[in-house]
N, C-alpha and C. Protein backbone atom coordinates (compact mmCIF):
# COMPACT_ATOMS: atom_id res chain seq x y z
N UNK A 1 1.72 -14.89 -12.70
CA UNK A 1 1.88 -14.27 -11.38
C UNK A 1 1.55 -15.29 -10.31
N UNK A 2 2.44 -15.42 -9.34
CA UNK A 2 2.21 -16.32 -8.24
C UNK A 2 1.59 -15.53 -7.10
N UNK A 3 0.48 -16.03 -6.58
CA UNK A 3 -0.19 -15.33 -5.50
C UNK A 3 0.44 -15.68 -4.17
N UNK A 4 0.51 -14.69 -3.25
CA UNK A 4 1.08 -14.97 -1.93
C UNK A 4 0.22 -15.95 -1.13
N UNK A 5 0.85 -16.59 -0.18
CA UNK A 5 0.11 -17.55 0.66
C UNK A 5 -0.85 -16.80 1.58
N UNK A 6 -1.79 -17.56 2.13
CA UNK A 6 -2.76 -17.01 3.10
C UNK A 6 -2.03 -16.39 4.29
N UNK A 7 -0.94 -17.01 4.73
CA UNK A 7 -0.19 -16.51 5.87
C UNK A 7 0.40 -15.11 5.54
N UNK A 8 0.91 -14.96 4.33
CA UNK A 8 1.47 -13.66 3.96
C UNK A 8 0.38 -12.59 3.90
N UNK A 9 -0.76 -12.96 3.30
CA UNK A 9 -1.89 -12.03 3.23
C UNK A 9 -2.30 -11.57 4.63
N UNK A 10 -2.40 -12.51 5.58
CA UNK A 10 -2.81 -12.18 6.93
C UNK A 10 -1.76 -11.32 7.64
N UNK A 11 -0.47 -11.61 7.36
CA UNK A 11 0.59 -10.80 7.96
C UNK A 11 0.54 -9.37 7.47
N UNK A 12 0.33 -9.16 6.17
CA UNK A 12 0.23 -7.83 5.60
C UNK A 12 -0.99 -7.12 6.17
N UNK A 13 -2.10 -7.83 6.34
CA UNK A 13 -3.30 -7.22 6.90
C UNK A 13 -3.06 -6.77 8.37
N UNK A 14 -2.30 -7.54 9.12
CA UNK A 14 -1.97 -7.13 10.49
C UNK A 14 -1.03 -5.93 10.51
N UNK A 15 -0.09 -5.91 9.56
CA UNK A 15 0.90 -4.84 9.53
C UNK A 15 0.34 -3.52 9.01
N UNK A 16 -0.65 -3.59 8.10
CA UNK A 16 -1.24 -2.42 7.48
C UNK A 16 -2.76 -2.39 7.65
N UNK A 17 -3.24 -2.25 8.88
CA UNK A 17 -4.70 -2.18 9.06
C UNK A 17 -5.25 -0.89 8.47
N UNK A 18 -6.55 -0.88 8.17
CA UNK A 18 -7.22 0.31 7.65
C UNK A 18 -6.94 1.47 8.60
N UNK A 19 -6.63 2.61 7.99
CA UNK A 19 -6.36 3.81 8.77
C UNK A 19 -4.85 4.11 8.90
N UNK A 20 -4.01 3.12 8.59
CA UNK A 20 -2.56 3.30 8.67
C UNK A 20 -2.13 4.33 7.64
N UNK A 21 -1.30 5.28 8.05
CA UNK A 21 -0.77 6.29 7.12
C UNK A 21 0.52 5.72 6.52
N UNK A 22 0.68 5.90 5.19
CA UNK A 22 1.85 5.41 4.49
C UNK A 22 2.38 6.50 3.53
N UNK A 23 3.66 6.29 3.15
CA UNK A 23 4.28 7.17 2.19
C UNK A 23 4.84 6.29 1.06
N UNK A 24 4.65 6.69 -0.18
CA UNK A 24 5.10 5.92 -1.32
C UNK A 24 6.63 6.00 -1.44
N UNK A 25 7.28 4.82 -1.50
CA UNK A 25 8.73 4.73 -1.69
C UNK A 25 9.04 4.36 -3.14
N UNK A 26 8.27 3.39 -3.68
CA UNK A 26 8.55 2.90 -5.05
C UNK A 26 7.28 2.30 -5.62
N UNK A 27 6.97 2.67 -6.88
CA UNK A 27 5.84 2.07 -7.58
C UNK A 27 6.13 2.07 -9.05
N UNK A 28 6.10 0.89 -9.67
CA UNK A 28 6.36 0.76 -11.08
C UNK A 28 5.04 0.79 -11.85
N UNK A 29 4.52 1.99 -12.10
CA UNK A 29 3.30 2.15 -12.81
C UNK A 29 3.33 3.56 -13.45
N UNK A 30 2.99 3.67 -14.71
CA UNK A 30 3.02 4.96 -15.37
C UNK A 30 2.03 5.97 -14.74
N UNK A 31 1.02 5.45 -14.06
CA UNK A 31 0.03 6.34 -13.42
C UNK A 31 0.30 6.49 -11.91
N UNK A 32 1.47 6.05 -11.47
CA UNK A 32 1.78 6.10 -10.03
C UNK A 32 1.84 7.51 -9.53
N UNK A 33 1.40 7.73 -8.29
CA UNK A 33 1.59 9.03 -7.66
C UNK A 33 3.10 9.27 -7.52
N UNK A 34 3.50 10.54 -7.38
CA UNK A 34 4.90 10.84 -7.22
C UNK A 34 5.48 10.16 -5.94
N UNK A 35 6.73 9.76 -6.01
CA UNK A 35 7.40 9.22 -4.84
C UNK A 35 7.27 10.24 -3.70
N UNK A 36 6.98 9.77 -2.50
CA UNK A 36 6.81 10.66 -1.34
C UNK A 36 5.34 11.01 -1.09
N UNK A 37 4.47 10.64 -2.02
CA UNK A 37 3.04 10.90 -1.82
C UNK A 37 2.56 10.11 -0.62
N UNK A 38 1.74 10.74 0.21
CA UNK A 38 1.22 10.07 1.41
C UNK A 38 -0.24 9.67 1.17
N UNK A 39 -0.67 8.67 1.96
CA UNK A 39 -2.03 8.21 1.82
C UNK A 39 -2.45 7.40 3.03
N UNK A 40 -3.71 6.96 3.02
CA UNK A 40 -4.30 6.20 4.11
C UNK A 40 -4.75 4.84 3.60
N UNK A 41 -4.32 3.79 4.28
CA UNK A 41 -4.69 2.43 3.94
C UNK A 41 -6.17 2.26 4.15
N UNK A 42 -6.84 1.68 3.14
CA UNK A 42 -8.28 1.38 3.28
C UNK A 42 -8.51 -0.12 3.44
N UNK A 43 -7.48 -0.94 3.18
CA UNK A 43 -7.60 -2.37 3.34
C UNK A 43 -6.46 -3.10 2.62
N UNK A 44 -6.51 -4.42 2.71
CA UNK A 44 -5.56 -5.28 2.01
C UNK A 44 -6.39 -6.36 1.30
N UNK A 45 -6.14 -6.53 0.00
CA UNK A 45 -6.95 -7.51 -0.74
C UNK A 45 -6.39 -8.92 -0.63
N UNK A 46 -7.00 -9.89 -1.31
CA UNK A 46 -6.62 -11.29 -1.20
C UNK A 46 -5.30 -11.63 -1.89
N UNK A 47 -4.68 -10.66 -2.56
CA UNK A 47 -3.35 -10.85 -3.18
C UNK A 47 -2.27 -10.14 -2.37
N UNK A 48 -2.64 -9.66 -1.18
CA UNK A 48 -1.75 -8.95 -0.25
C UNK A 48 -1.39 -7.55 -0.76
N UNK A 49 -2.12 -7.05 -1.76
CA UNK A 49 -1.93 -5.69 -2.22
C UNK A 49 -2.60 -4.73 -1.22
N UNK A 50 -1.88 -3.65 -0.92
CA UNK A 50 -2.40 -2.68 0.04
C UNK A 50 -3.24 -1.65 -0.73
N UNK A 51 -4.48 -1.51 -0.35
CA UNK A 51 -5.37 -0.52 -0.99
C UNK A 51 -5.18 0.81 -0.24
N UNK A 52 -4.86 1.86 -1.02
CA UNK A 52 -4.55 3.15 -0.42
C UNK A 52 -5.37 4.26 -1.07
N UNK A 53 -5.90 5.13 -0.22
CA UNK A 53 -6.52 6.38 -0.68
C UNK A 53 -5.41 7.40 -0.60
N UNK A 54 -4.75 7.67 -1.74
CA UNK A 54 -3.64 8.62 -1.76
C UNK A 54 -4.17 10.06 -1.57
N UNK A 55 -3.37 10.86 -0.91
CA UNK A 55 -3.78 12.24 -0.61
C UNK A 55 -4.02 13.06 -1.90
N UNK A 56 -3.44 12.64 -3.03
CA UNK A 56 -3.61 13.35 -4.28
C UNK A 56 -4.86 12.89 -5.06
N UNK A 57 -5.64 11.97 -4.46
CA UNK A 57 -6.87 11.51 -5.08
C UNK A 57 -6.75 10.16 -5.80
N UNK A 58 -5.53 9.68 -6.00
CA UNK A 58 -5.31 8.38 -6.65
C UNK A 58 -5.77 7.26 -5.72
N UNK A 59 -6.11 6.12 -6.31
CA UNK A 59 -6.53 4.94 -5.55
C UNK A 59 -5.72 3.69 -5.98
N UNK A 60 -4.56 3.90 -6.62
CA UNK A 60 -3.77 2.74 -7.04
C UNK A 60 -3.33 1.89 -5.84
N UNK A 61 -3.40 0.58 -6.00
CA UNK A 61 -2.98 -0.33 -4.98
C UNK A 61 -1.46 -0.45 -4.94
N UNK A 62 -0.91 -0.76 -3.78
CA UNK A 62 0.50 -1.06 -3.61
C UNK A 62 0.63 -2.56 -3.80
N UNK A 63 1.20 -2.97 -4.92
CA UNK A 63 1.26 -4.40 -5.28
C UNK A 63 2.33 -5.13 -4.47
N UNK A 64 1.90 -6.20 -3.78
CA UNK A 64 2.81 -7.00 -2.94
C UNK A 64 3.97 -7.53 -3.79
N UNK A 65 5.21 -7.31 -3.31
CA UNK A 65 6.39 -7.80 -3.98
C UNK A 65 6.88 -6.95 -5.13
N UNK A 66 6.12 -5.91 -5.48
CA UNK A 66 6.49 -5.01 -6.58
C UNK A 66 6.75 -3.59 -6.11
N UNK A 67 5.77 -3.04 -5.41
CA UNK A 67 5.82 -1.65 -4.96
C UNK A 67 6.23 -1.59 -3.49
N UNK A 68 6.52 -0.39 -3.02
CA UNK A 68 6.95 -0.25 -1.64
C UNK A 68 6.42 1.03 -1.00
N UNK A 69 5.96 0.89 0.22
CA UNK A 69 5.54 2.05 1.03
C UNK A 69 6.21 1.91 2.40
N UNK A 70 6.21 3.01 3.12
CA UNK A 70 6.64 2.96 4.53
C UNK A 70 5.56 3.57 5.37
N UNK A 71 5.44 3.03 6.59
CA UNK A 71 4.45 3.56 7.54
C UNK A 71 4.94 4.89 8.04
N UNK A 72 3.99 5.81 8.25
CA UNK A 72 4.30 7.10 8.87
C UNK A 72 3.31 7.33 9.98
N UNK A 73 3.68 8.18 10.92
CA UNK A 73 2.81 8.59 11.99
C UNK A 73 2.27 9.95 11.67
N UNK A 74 0.94 10.05 11.49
CA UNK A 74 0.35 11.32 11.16
C UNK A 74 0.92 11.82 9.85
N UNK A 75 1.41 13.02 9.86
CA UNK A 75 2.02 13.59 8.65
C UNK A 75 3.45 14.02 8.98
N UNK A 76 4.29 13.01 9.25
CA UNK A 76 5.70 13.26 9.54
C UNK A 76 6.34 14.15 8.50
């Protein structure tokens, strides 16, 4: 696995600050929450993965370059 550059990590951190609401678009994991599950960003780690507290109780990270979320405002 190739790790993203420091610049990419910082860009993701600016784009998804803690408290940002997101909705799951795609996640390749057998334990993934259902597509459309909403959650709140708790941070971004050093691999640019977005840490999310999903509304269903899951804590799976959104893996940079693999999974996909979209920002939402409140509970659109």
